[in-house]
Structures are given as structure tokens and as C-alpha cells.
PDB file of N, CA and C in Angstrom:
ATOM      1  N   UNK A   1       1.370   9.102  -2.201  1.00  0.00           N
ATOM      2  CA  UNK A   1       2.347   8.601  -3.149  1.00  0.00           C
ATOM      3  C   UNK A   1       2.530   7.103  -2.942  1.00  0.00           C
ATOM      4  N   UNK A   2       2.600   6.360  -4.023  1.00  0.00           N
ATOM      5  CA  UNK A   2       2.786   4.913  -3.901  1.00  0.00           C
ATOM      6  C   UNK A   2       4.214   4.550  -3.493  1.00  0.00           C
ATOM      7  N   UNK A   3       4.342   3.362  -2.986  1.00  0.00           N
ATOM      8  CA  UNK A   3       5.627   2.819  -2.561  1.00  0.00           C
ATOM      9  C   UNK A   3       6.086   1.811  -3.605  1.00  0.00           C
ATOM     10  N   UNK A   4       7.295   2.015  -4.159  1.00  0.00           N
ATOM     11  CA  UNK A   4       7.836   1.126  -5.185  1.00  0.00           C
ATOM     12  C   UNK A   4       9.032   0.361  -4.631  1.00  0.00           C
ATOM     13  N   UNK A   5       9.216  -0.868  -5.126  1.00  0.00           N
ATOM     14  CA  UNK A   5      10.338  -1.706  -4.712  1.00  0.00           C
ATOM     15  C   UNK A   5      11.281  -1.897  -5.891  1.00  0.00           C
ATOM     16  N   UNK A   6      12.571  -1.798  -5.621  1.00  0.00           N
ATOM     17  CA  UNK A   6      13.601  -1.974  -6.646  1.00  0.00           C
ATOM     18  C   UNK A   6      14.680  -2.911  -6.132  1.00  0.00           C
ATOM     19  N   UNK A   7      15.365  -3.582  -7.063  1.00  0.00           N
ATOM     20  CA  UNK A   7      16.501  -4.444  -6.744  1.00  0.00           C
ATOM     21  C   UNK A   7      17.497  -4.333  -7.897  1.00  0.00           C
ATOM     22  N   UNK A   8      18.754  -4.614  -7.613  1.00  0.00           N
ATOM     23  CA  UNK A   8      19.775  -4.500  -8.649  1.00  0.00           C
ATOM     24  C   UNK A   8      19.499  -5.456  -9.813  1.00  0.00           C
ATOM     25  N   UNK A   9      19.794  -5.002 -11.014  1.00  0.00           N
ATOM     26  CA  UNK A   9      19.587  -5.835 -12.204  1.00  0.00           C
ATOM     27  C   UNK A   9      20.665  -6.906 -12.314  1.00  0.00           C
ATOM     28  N   UNK A  10      21.865  -6.623 -11.794  1.00  0.00           N
ATOM     29  CA  UNK A  10      22.987  -7.565 -11.845  1.00  0.00           C
ATOM     30  C   UNK A  10      23.438  -7.865 -10.420  1.00  0.00           C
ATOM     31  N   UNK A  11      23.158  -9.071  -9.885  1.00  0.00           N
ATOM     32  CA  UNK A  11      23.515  -9.389  -8.495  1.00  0.00           C
ATOM     33  C   UNK A  11      25.012  -9.328  -8.208  1.00  0.00           C
ATOM     34  N   UNK A  12      25.854  -9.437  -9.225  1.00  0.00           N
ATOM     35  CA  UNK A  12      27.305  -9.379  -9.024  1.00  0.00           C
ATOM     36  C   UNK A  12      27.765  -7.952  -8.727  1.00  0.00           C
ATOM     37  N   UNK A  13      27.018  -6.977  -9.199  1.00  0.00           N
ATOM     38  CA  UNK A  13      27.372  -5.574  -8.995  1.00  0.00           C
ATOM     39  C   UNK A  13      26.373  -4.949  -8.046  1.00  0.00           C
ATOM     40  N   UNK A  14      26.650  -3.750  -7.650  1.00  0.00           N
ATOM     41  CA  UNK A  14      25.713  -3.022  -6.802  1.00  0.00           C
ATOM     42  C   UNK A  14      26.198  -2.900  -5.376  1.00  0.00           C
ATOM     43  N   UNK A  15      25.589  -1.976  -4.673  1.00  0.00           N
ATOM     44  CA  UNK A  15      25.941  -1.741  -3.271  1.00  0.00           C
ATOM     45  C   UNK A  15      25.120  -2.674  -2.376  1.00  0.00           C
ATOM     46  N   UNK A  16      25.362  -2.627  -1.094  1.00  0.00           N
ATOM     47  CA  UNK A  16      24.660  -3.512  -0.162  1.00  0.00           C
ATOM     48  C   UNK A  16      23.174  -3.189  -0.106  1.00  0.00           C
ATOM     49  N   UNK A  17      22.791  -1.970  -0.419  1.00  0.00           N
ATOM     50  CA  UNK A  17      21.378  -1.581  -0.385  1.00  0.00           C
ATOM     51  C   UNK A  17      20.614  -2.179  -1.566  1.00  0.00           C
ATOM     52  N   UNK A  18      21.101  -1.980  -2.784  1.00  0.00           N
ATOM     53  CA  UNK A  18      20.345  -2.450  -3.947  1.00  0.00           C
ATOM     54  C   UNK A  18      20.486  -3.958  -4.166  1.00  0.00           C
ATOM     55  N   UNK A  19      21.480  -4.601  -3.561  1.00  0.00           N
ATOM     56  CA  UNK A  19      21.562  -6.060  -3.653  1.00  0.00           C
ATOM     57  C   UNK A  19      20.426  -6.711  -2.878  1.00  0.00           C
ATOM     58  N   UNK A  20      20.071  -6.136  -1.715  1.00  0.00           N
ATOM     59  CA  UNK A  20      18.968  -6.661  -0.910  1.00  0.00           C
ATOM     60  C   UNK A  20      17.621  -6.154  -1.410  1.00  0.00           C
ATOM     61  N   UNK A  21      17.630  -5.032  -2.088  1.00  0.00           N
ATOM     62  CA  UNK A  21      16.393  -4.403  -2.541  1.00  0.00           C
ATOM     63  C   UNK A  21      16.031  -3.253  -1.623  1.00  0.00           C
ATOM     64  N   UNK A  22      15.345  -2.277  -2.174  1.00  0.00           N
ATOM     65  CA  UNK A  22      14.946  -1.124  -1.380  1.00  0.00           C
ATOM     66  C   UNK A  22      13.573  -0.630  -1.829  1.00  0.00           C
ATOM     67  N   UNK A  23      12.927   0.125  -0.947  1.00  0.00           N
ATOM     68  CA  UNK A  23      11.616   0.709  -1.231  1.00  0.00           C
ATOM     69  C   UNK A  23      11.767   2.217  -1.277  1.00  0.00           C
ATOM     70  N   UNK A  24      10.981   2.855  -2.137  1.00  0.00           N
ATOM     71  CA  UNK A  24      11.040   4.309  -2.249  1.00  0.00           C
ATOM     72  C   UNK A  24       9.659   4.831  -2.625  1.00  0.00           C
ATOM     73  N   UNK A  25       9.278   5.956  -2.032  1.00  0.00           N
ATOM     74  CA  UNK A  25       8.022   6.621  -2.379  1.00  0.00           C
ATOM     75  C   UNK A  25       8.290   7.598  -3.512  1.00  0.00           C
ATOM     76  N   UNK A  26       7.484   7.478  -4.573  1.00  0.00           N
ATOM     77  CA  UNK A  26       7.631   8.357  -5.732  1.00  0.00           C
ATOM     78  C   UNK A  26       6.257   8.684  -6.286  1.00  0.00           C
ATOM     79  N   UNK A  27       6.079   9.886  -6.827  1.00  0.00           N
ATOM     80  CA  UNK A  27       4.799  10.215  -7.460  1.00  0.00           C
ATOM     81  C   UNK A  27       4.542   9.303  -8.658  1.00  0.00           C
ATOM     82  N   UNK A  28       3.276   9.050  -8.934  1.00  0.00           N
ATOM     83  CA  UNK A  28       2.891   8.199 -10.050  1.00  0.00           C
ATOM     84  C   UNK A  28       3.341   8.816 -11.376  1.00  0.00           C
ATOM     85  N   UNK A  29       3.371  10.136 -11.429  1.00  0.00           N
ATOM     86  CA  UNK A  29       3.711  10.834 -12.671  1.00  0.00           C
ATOM     87  C   UNK A  29       5.187  10.694 -13.058  1.00  0.00           C
ATOM     88  N   UNK A  30       6.054  10.313 -12.129  1.00  0.00           N
ATOM     89  CA  UNK A  30       7.486  10.186 -12.451  1.00  0.00           C
ATOM     90  C   UNK A  30       7.770   8.822 -13.063  1.00  0.00           C
ATOM     91  N   UNK A  31       8.703   8.755 -14.006  1.00  0.00           N
ATOM     92  CA  UNK A  31       9.042   7.466 -14.622  1.00  0.00           C
ATOM     93  C   UNK A  31       9.772   6.564 -13.624  1.00  0.00           C
ATOM     94  N   UNK A  32       9.788   5.243 -13.870  1.00  0.00           N
ATOM     95  CA  UNK A  32      10.485   4.320 -12.963  1.00  0.00           C
ATOM     96  C   UNK A  32      11.980   4.626 -12.895  1.00  0.00           C
ATOM     97  N   UNK A  33      12.573   4.342 -11.751  1.00  0.00           N
ATOM     98  CA  UNK A  33      14.022   4.548 -11.582  1.00  0.00           C
ATOM     99  C   UNK A  33      14.770   3.564 -12.474  1.00  0.00           C
ATOM    100  N   UNK A  34      15.907   3.994 -12.984  1.00  0.00           N
ATOM    101  CA  UNK A  34      16.738   3.123 -13.816  1.00  0.00           C
ATOM    102  C   UNK A  34      18.055   2.783 -13.131  1.00  0.00           C
ATOM    103  N   UNK A  35      18.477   3.622 -12.165  1.00  0.00           N
ATOM    104  CA  UNK A  35      19.742   3.374 -11.465  1.00  0.00           C
ATOM    105  C   UNK A  35      19.540   3.534  -9.964  1.00  0.00           C
ATOM    106  N   UNK A  36      20.412   2.878  -9.222  1.00  0.00           N
ATOM    107  CA  UNK A  36      20.407   2.978  -7.760  1.00  0.00           C
ATOM    108  C   UNK A  36      20.824   4.399  -7.373  1.00  0.00           C
ATOM    109  N   UNK A  37      20.153   5.024  -6.415  1.00  0.00           N
ATOM    110  CA  UNK A  37      20.531   6.382  -6.019  1.00  0.00           C
ATOM    111  C   UNK A  37      21.907   6.460  -5.349  1.00  0.00           C
ATOM    112  N   UNK A  38      22.418   5.346  -4.823  1.00  0.00           N
ATOM    113  CA  UNK A  38      23.722   5.373  -4.151  1.00  0.00           C
ATOM    114  C   UNK A  38      24.878   5.004  -5.079  1.00  0.00           C
ATOM    115  N   UNK A  39      24.783   3.855  -5.749  1.00  0.00           N
ATOM    116  CA  UNK A  39      25.926   3.356  -6.523  1.00  0.00           C
ATOM    117  C   UNK A  39      25.765   3.549  -8.032  1.00  0.00           C
ATOM    118  N   UNK A  40      24.615   3.984  -8.479  1.00  0.00           N
ATOM    119  CA  UNK A  40      24.332   4.263  -9.901  1.00  0.00           C
ATOM    120  C   UNK A  40      24.361   3.031 -10.800  1.00  0.00           C
ATOM    121  N   UNK A  41      24.270   1.830 -10.236  1.00  0.00           N
ATOM    122  CA  UNK A  41      24.155   0.617 -11.039  1.00  0.00           C
ATOM    123  C   UNK A  41      22.695   0.436 -11.453  1.00  0.00           C
ATOM    124  N   UNK A  42      22.435  -0.255 -12.565  1.00  0.00           N
ATOM    125  CA  UNK A  42      21.058  -0.434 -13.030  1.00  0.00           C
ATOM    126  C   UNK A  42      20.207  -1.223 -12.029  1.00  0.00           C
ATOM    127  N   UNK A  43      18.959  -0.804 -11.881  1.00  0.00           N
ATOM    128  CA  UNK A  43      18.005  -1.492 -11.018  1.00  0.00           C
ATOM    129  C   UNK A  43      16.750  -1.812 -11.819  1.00  0.00           C
ATOM    130  N   UNK A  44      15.985  -2.787 -11.304  1.00  0.00           N
ATOM    131  CA  UNK A  44      14.710  -3.126 -11.934  1.00  0.00           C
ATOM    132  C   UNK A  44      13.612  -3.038 -10.881  1.00  0.00           C
ATOM    133  N   UNK A  45      12.421  -2.694 -11.341  1.00  0.00           N
ATOM    134  CA  UNK A  45      11.275  -2.540 -10.451  1.00  0.00           C
ATOM    135  C   UNK A  45      10.668  -3.910 -10.178  1.00  0.00           C
ATOM    136  N   UNK A  46      10.354  -4.173  -8.915  1.00  0.00           N
ATOM    137  CA  UNK A  46       9.740  -5.442  -8.524  1.00  0.00           C
ATOM    138  C   UNK A  46       8.229  -5.300  -8.475  1.00  0.00           C
ATOM    139  N   UNK A  47       7.548  -6.405  -8.646  1.00  0.00           N
ATOM    140  CA  UNK A  47       6.104  -6.440  -8.466  1.00  0.00           C
ATOM    141  C   UNK A  47       5.860  -6.564  -6.967  1.00  0.00           C
ATOM    142  N   UNK A  48       4.985  -5.731  -6.445  1.00  0.00           N
ATOM    143  CA  UNK A  48       4.718  -5.729  -5.004  1.00  0.00           C
ATOM    144  C   UNK A  48       4.129  -7.056  -4.561  1.00  0.00           C
ATOM    145  N   UNK A  49       4.485  -7.449  -3.355  1.00  0.00           N
ATOM    146  CA  UNK A  49       4.016  -8.713  -2.797  1.00  0.00           C
ATOM    147  C   UNK A  49       2.634  -8.611  -2.209  1.00  0.00           C
ATOM    148  N   UNK A  50       2.231  -7.452  -1.812  1.00  0.00           N
ATOM    149  CA  UNK A  50       0.922  -7.333  -1.180  1.00  0.00           C
ATOM    150  C   UNK A  50       0.482  -5.894  -1.091  1.00  0.00           C
ATOM    151  N   UNK A  51      -0.689  -5.725  -0.564  1.00  0.00           N
ATOM    152  CA  UNK A  51      -1.264  -4.408  -0.400  1.00  0.00           C
ATOM    153  C   UNK A  51      -1.304  -4.106   1.083  1.00  0.00           C
ATOM    154  N   UNK A  52      -0.909  -2.925   1.428  1.00  0.00           N
ATOM    155  CA  UNK A  52      -0.936  -2.513   2.820  1.00  0.00           C
ATOM    156  C   UNK A  52      -2.331  -2.010   3.163  1.00  0.00           C
ATOM    157  N   UNK A  53      -2.988  -2.708   4.057  1.00  0.00           N
ATOM    158  CA  UNK A  53      -4.315  -2.290   4.488  1.00  0.00           C
ATOM    159  C   UNK A  53      -4.427  -2.517   5.990  1.00  0.00           C
ATOM    160  N   UNK A  54      -5.198  -1.670   6.653  1.00  0.00           N
ATOM    161  CA  UNK A  54      -5.330  -1.857   8.097  1.00  0.00           C
ATOM    162  C   UNK A  54      -6.089  -3.140   8.415  1.00  0.00           C
ATOM    163  N   UNK A  55      -5.706  -3.779   9.488  1.00  0.00           N
ATOM    164  CA  UNK A  55      -6.409  -4.995   9.888  1.00  0.00           C
ATOM    165  C   UNK A  55      -7.368  -4.666  11.026  1.00  0.00           C
ATOM    166  N   UNK A  56      -8.540  -5.234  10.972  1.00  0.00           N
ATOM    167  CA  UNK A  56      -9.540  -5.025  12.017  1.00  0.00           C
ATOM    168  C   UNK A  56      -9.575  -6.302  12.844  1.00  0.00           C
ATOM    169  N   UNK A  57      -9.324  -6.156  14.129  1.00  0.00           N
ATOM    170  CA  UNK A  57      -9.238  -7.324  14.989  1.00  0.00           C
ATOM    171  C   UNK A  57     -10.594  -7.795  15.493  1.00  0.00           C
ATOM    172  N   UNK A  58     -11.573  -6.898  15.516  1.00  0.00           N
ATOM    173  CA  UNK A  58     -12.907  -7.284  15.986  1.00  0.00           C
ATOM    174  C   UNK A  58     -13.940  -6.601  15.090  1.00  0.00           C
ATOM    175  N   UNK A  59     -15.133  -7.147  14.990  1.00  0.00           N
ATOM    176  CA  UNK A  59     -16.178  -6.496  14.200  1.00  0.00           C
ATOM    177  C   UNK A  59     -16.566  -5.156  14.827  1.00  0.00           C
ATOM    178  N   UNK A  60     -16.891  -4.193  13.985  1.00  0.00           N
ATOM    179  CA  UNK A  60     -17.289  -2.891  14.497  1.00  0.00           C
ATOM    180  C   UNK A  60     -18.694  -2.956  15.076  1.00  0.00           C
ATOM    181  N   UNK A  61     -18.870  -2.333  16.218  1.00  0.00           N
ATOM    182  CA  UNK A  61     -20.205  -2.256  16.810  1.00  0.00           C
ATOM    183  C   UNK A  61     -20.913  -1.031  16.246  1.00  0.00           C
ATOM    184  N   UNK A  62     -22.210  -0.928  16.526  1.00  0.00           N
ATOM    185  CA  UNK A  62     -22.999   0.212  16.058  1.00  0.00           C
ATOM    186  C   UNK A  62     -22.436   1.503  16.640  1.00  0.00           C
ATOM    187  N   UNK A  63     -22.074   1.489  17.932  1.00  0.00           N
ATOM    188  CA  UNK A  63     -21.534   2.704  18.556  1.00  0.00           C
ATOM    189  C   UNK A  63     -20.179   3.083  17.956  1.00  0.00           C
ATOM    190  N   UNK A  64     -19.330   2.084  17.641  1.00  0.00           N
ATOM    191  CA  UNK A  64     -18.039   2.369  17.001  1.00  0.00           C
ATOM    192  C   UNK A  64     -18.245   2.988  15.625  1.00  0.00           C
ATOM    193  N   UNK A  65     -19.205   2.460  14.873  1.00  0.00           N
ATOM    194  CA  UNK A  65     -19.483   2.992  13.534  1.00  0.00           C
ATOM    195  C   UNK A  65     -19.981   4.425  13.619  1.00  0.00           C
ATOM    196  N   UNK A  66     -20.855   4.721  14.587  1.00  0.00           N
ATOM    197  CA  UNK A  66     -21.368   6.079  14.755  1.00  0.00           C
ATOM    198  C   UNK A  66     -20.257   7.039  15.164  1.00  0.00           C
ATOM    199  N   UNK A  67     -19.350   6.588  16.061  1.00  0.00           N
ATOM    200  CA  UNK A  67     -18.222   7.434  16.470  1.00  0.00           C
ATOM    201  C   UNK A  67     -17.304   7.753  15.293  1.00  0.00           C
ATOM    202  N   UNK A  68     -17.198   6.814  14.357  1.00  0.00           N
ATOM    203  CA  UNK A  68     -16.348   7.016  13.184  1.00  0.00           C
ATOM    204  C   UNK A  68     -17.023   7.877  12.125  1.00  0.00           C
ATOM    205  N   UNK A  69     -18.298   8.238  12.344  1.00  0.00           N
ATOM    206  CA  UNK A  69     -18.987   9.130  11.421  1.00  0.00           C
ATOM    207  C   UNK A  69     -19.861   8.438  10.389  1.00  0.00           C
ATOM    208  N   UNK A  70     -20.090   7.153  10.541  1.00  0.00           N
ATOM    209  CA  UNK A  70     -20.937   6.422   9.596  1.00  0.00           C
ATOM    210  C   UNK A  70     -22.400   6.501  10.018  1.00  0.00           C
ATOM    211  N   UNK A  71     -23.283   6.436   9.054  1.00  0.00           N
ATOM    212  CA  UNK A  71     -24.712   6.325   9.312  1.00  0.00           C
ATOM    213  C   UNK A  71     -25.061   4.839   9.327  1.00  0.00           C
ATOM    214  N   UNK A  72     -25.698   4.387  10.389  1.00  0.00           N
ATOM    215  CA  UNK A  72     -26.031   2.973  10.536  1.00  0.00           C
ATOM    216  C   UNK A  72     -27.510   2.783  10.226  1.00  0.00           C
ATOM    217  N   UNK A  73     -27.788   1.893   9.289  1.00  0.00           N
ATOM    218  CA  UNK A  73     -29.162   1.586   8.894  1.00  0.00           C
ATOM    219  C   UNK A  73     -29.455   0.122   9.180  1.00  0.00           C
ATOM    220  N   UNK A  74     -30.732  -0.145   9.540  1.00  0.00           N
ATOM    221  CA  UNK A  74     -31.156  -1.516   9.785  1.00  0.00           C
ATOM    222  C   UNK A  74     -32.366  -1.811   8.907  1.00  0.00           C
ATOM    223  N   UNK A  75     -32.371  -2.966   8.263  1.00  0.00           N
ATOM    224  CA  UNK A  75     -33.472  -3.327   7.367  1.00  0.00           C
ATOM    225  C   UNK A  75     -34.693  -3.724   8.187  1.00  0.00           C
ATOM    226  N   UNK A  76     -35.828  -3.087   7.888  1.00  0.00           N
ATOM    227  CA  UNK A  76     -37.077  -3.371   8.603  1.00  0.00           C
ATOM    228  C   UNK A  76     -38.009  -4.234   7.755  1.00  0.00           C
ATOM    229  N   UNK A  77     -38.374  -3.782   6.582  1.00  0.00           N
ATOM    230  CA  UNK A  77     -39.254  -4.507   5.667  1.00  0.00           C
ATOM    231  C   UNK A  77     -38.562  -4.593   4.318  1.00  0.00           C
ATOM    232  N   UNK A  78     -39.259  -5.166   3.365  1.00  0.00           N
ATOM    233  CA  UNK A  78     -38.719  -5.281   2.010  1.00  0.00           C
ATOM    234  C   UNK A  78     -38.482  -3.881   1.444  1.00  0.00           C
ATOM    235  N   UNK A  79     -37.218  -3.467   1.300  1.00  0.00           N
ATOM    236  CA  UNK A  79     -36.874  -2.158   0.731  1.00  0.00           C
ATOM    237  C   UNK A  79     -36.995  -1.006   1.705  1.00  0.00           C
ATOM    238  N   UNK A  80     -37.210  -1.280   3.007  1.00  0.00           N
ATOM    239  CA  UNK A  80     -37.345  -0.211   3.992  1.00  0.00           C
ATOM    240  C   UNK A  80     -36.236  -0.344   5.029  1.00  0.00           C
ATOM    241  N   UNK A  81     -35.533   0.786   5.247  1.00  0.00           N
ATOM    242  CA  UNK A  81     -34.456   0.794   6.211  1.00  0.00           C
ATOM    243  C   UNK A  81     -34.735   1.875   7.248  1.00  0.00           C
ATOM    244  N   UNK A  82     -34.307   1.645   8.478  1.00  0.00           N
ATOM    245  CA  UNK A  82     -34.500   2.612   9.545  1.00  0.00           C
ATOM    246  C   UNK A  82     -33.128   3.025  10.069  1.00  0.00           C
ATOM    247  N   UNK A  83     -32.969   4.309  10.284  1.00  0.00           N
ATOM    248  CA  UNK A  83     -31.707   4.846  10.821  1.00  0.00           C
ATOM    249  C   UNK A  83     -31.627   4.547  12.315  1.00  0.00           C
ATOM    250  N   UNK A  84     -30.525   3.999  12.762  1.00  0.00           N
ATOM    251  CA  UNK A  84     -30.338   3.694  14.185  1.00  0.00           C
ATOM    252  C   UNK A  84     -29.715   4.848  14.911  1.00  0.00           C
TER     253      UNK A  84
END
């Protein structure tokens, strides 16, 4: 399920949660939220700032790739690969 961000539509109103903004996991099939779940004031959906992806601190070695279940191939000639 994707993670959505919401913030209050009117900064003068709203509870302490929706004034700062909140994140919620919801199925893609459900429509966007229109009100805060706590105070019922109108909220608007924010555009996400980034994508959550794992960071790799070092390049994967051949043995690491094999342990992870990948097939490692090395190019030998033009159009010919050999399995390591």
C-alpha cells in the first residue's frame, strides 16, 4: 500500500496533527481523504517529496549477488556470455 501525505487546508483551523501534516497508508483503490481523522477539518493531499528506496553503501560483489539469488554473467566475446 502506498504512503500518502496530508495537511490541513486551512492553517487557522485543525488539530496539532493536521497542522503539521501526517502520513497514512491507504489502498490505491480508495479515494483521497477529505477530512482529518481526528478533528474532521478539511485536508489536502501533498505531493511526495521523494521515493523511499534502499541505499547501497558498497558495490555488490559476485559472491553477494549469487547469495541474493542472481545469476552472474560475464561477457567473453561479441554476443557471448559465460555464467560465473
